[in-house]
Amino acid sequence: MTQILAIDQGTTSSRAIVFDGDLRPKASAQREFTQHFPASGWVEHDPEEIWDSVVEVCKGALAKGGDVAAIGITNQRETVVLWDRETGEAVHNAIVWQDRRTAELCARLKGKGHEAIVQEKTGLLLDPYFSGTKLAWLLDNVDGARARAEAGTLAFGTIDSFLIWRLTGGKRHVTDATNAARTLLYNIREGRWDNDILSMLNIPAAILPEVLDSGADFGETTLFGGSLPILGVAGDQQAATVGQACFQPGMLKSTYGTGCFALLNTGNTLVTSQNRMLGTIAYQFDGKPTYALEGSIFIAGAVVQWLRDGLQIIKDAPETAPLAEQADPAQTLYMVPAFTGLGAPYWDSEARGAIFGLTRNSGPAEFARAALESVGFQTRDLLEAMAADYPGETGTVRVDGGMTASDWTMQFLSNILGAPVDRPEVLETTALGAAWIAGHRAGIYPDQEGFAATWALEQKFEPQMEDVTRAARYAGWKDAIARTLSDHGK
């Protein structure tokens, strides 16, 4: 058997893809699941619905794709699940990475001067985005959770850990280094859970999973017939970095899913950002982490979902670009999609979305254009901050994710960056990365150099905007951001 099943458990849907021996997608299945918004700025998922969706899509992909040798998992990062070790049932809905309910706790910790040491140890900032404060909230707000956790009857994990627990029938409580690196609890310099941070957040170490390499033995599942090993795990953005074959320092990828996440490979050097970027682990093999600088945008593809589900001005995402093309060129709207706060480089959890430049003539076309342009503007924010932090040369931006299928959006991205943008033949590089990690571990797929040689360009987008126009448009964006930031962000 030379095929691999990749499980891609994302923020809005679960997908499974069977990759053949040549790393080509052969069969897939996908299912969306419910987004829960119990209060302003709060976002939750039902872990049982996630689990059901994963089992369904795996069975669907395998029914069409045939037998596989192993499983690779990639997952939405930072999302928190706390479950009972005996029953496997979650004690509360999963708290999603977008959730901002712990903003006040983060502000208090910053006020006590904790952020510098947290950044030094974890590469991260004190922001509700990360798992640690979400877990603290669960322990403090779910009846009996803290006592049960301290008694050792509860288990904590990000989505990968929860899925592996279920897939292995509760035999393995594990995660990989890339997911651990996003919890706010893991010292990425020393490769261990950090006791000082656990104490700061009052989190018992007994509930934490064992941390393994990205390519490792994560256990076996018998749910799909026979015994299938789980041999690869990586958080979605790290998996996309692998899938884009960004194995050399200076290589850069930007993924456009629900949010947008740019990662710059910095090799064995952990760069401490001076511009509120994140230091993180890109991947870890043979016990050796490869580091990255990351910029995180909370709302990218989700802004298109908002046009569809909130404003109801489109029925399907592909309608957005043709609608944007119809926009009045005399109008300049700026949409700042801070629906759940602003991520890098602003990290303003209290900011909320805004639109500037509205006139009586503004309509669906202008909203669609402003929504798509917001993704390009936010990406430029990230890359400028990264360039200020990273002393080496960076290459062309490699892009992936659902939004990159839009030529209009990718052309605007190249225009506003003033740089080439490369779109690969395989857009679902997140699942591809998970498949390669598992397949390489299984002895099916080539090494890093061999895998990198298979990367293929589908289209290169070159800048077509004049410098003076680019400067004026970006200046307008920066003004819109300044008007959107909360007093906390300013």
Foldseek 3Di string as FASTA:
>chain_A
DQKEWEWEAEDFKTKIFIAGLLLHTDFMDMDGADWDDPDQQWTFAALVRSLVRRLVGSLRRCVRPPDHAAYFYAYAAQWKFKAFLVPLHTLDTITHLLHQPCVVVLVVCVVVVNQVVLCQFLLAGSGSNHNLLVVLCCLVPRPPNVVCVVVLRMAMDTSVQSNLCVQQVSPFREAEQQRVSRHSQAGPVVGGGDPVVCVVSVGDPSRYGHYHFQFAFRHWGCSNHDTHTHGGYHYLVLLLCVLLLLPDAQEWEWEAAQWIKIKGWHFQDQFNFPQQWGKGFSGGDPNRTTIITMWIFNGAVVLLVCVCPPVNPDPDSVVLLVLLVPDDPVFDKAKQQQSQHGTPPQSFRPFHIDMPGDDPPDDDNNSSNNNLLNRLLVVLRVVVSVVVRDPDHHDAYEYAYDVVVDPNSQLSSQQLNQTKYFYWPDRSSSSSSSRQSHSVSVVSDDDSVRSNVSTGTDDMHHHDYDPVVSVVSSVVNVVVVVVRHDPVSD
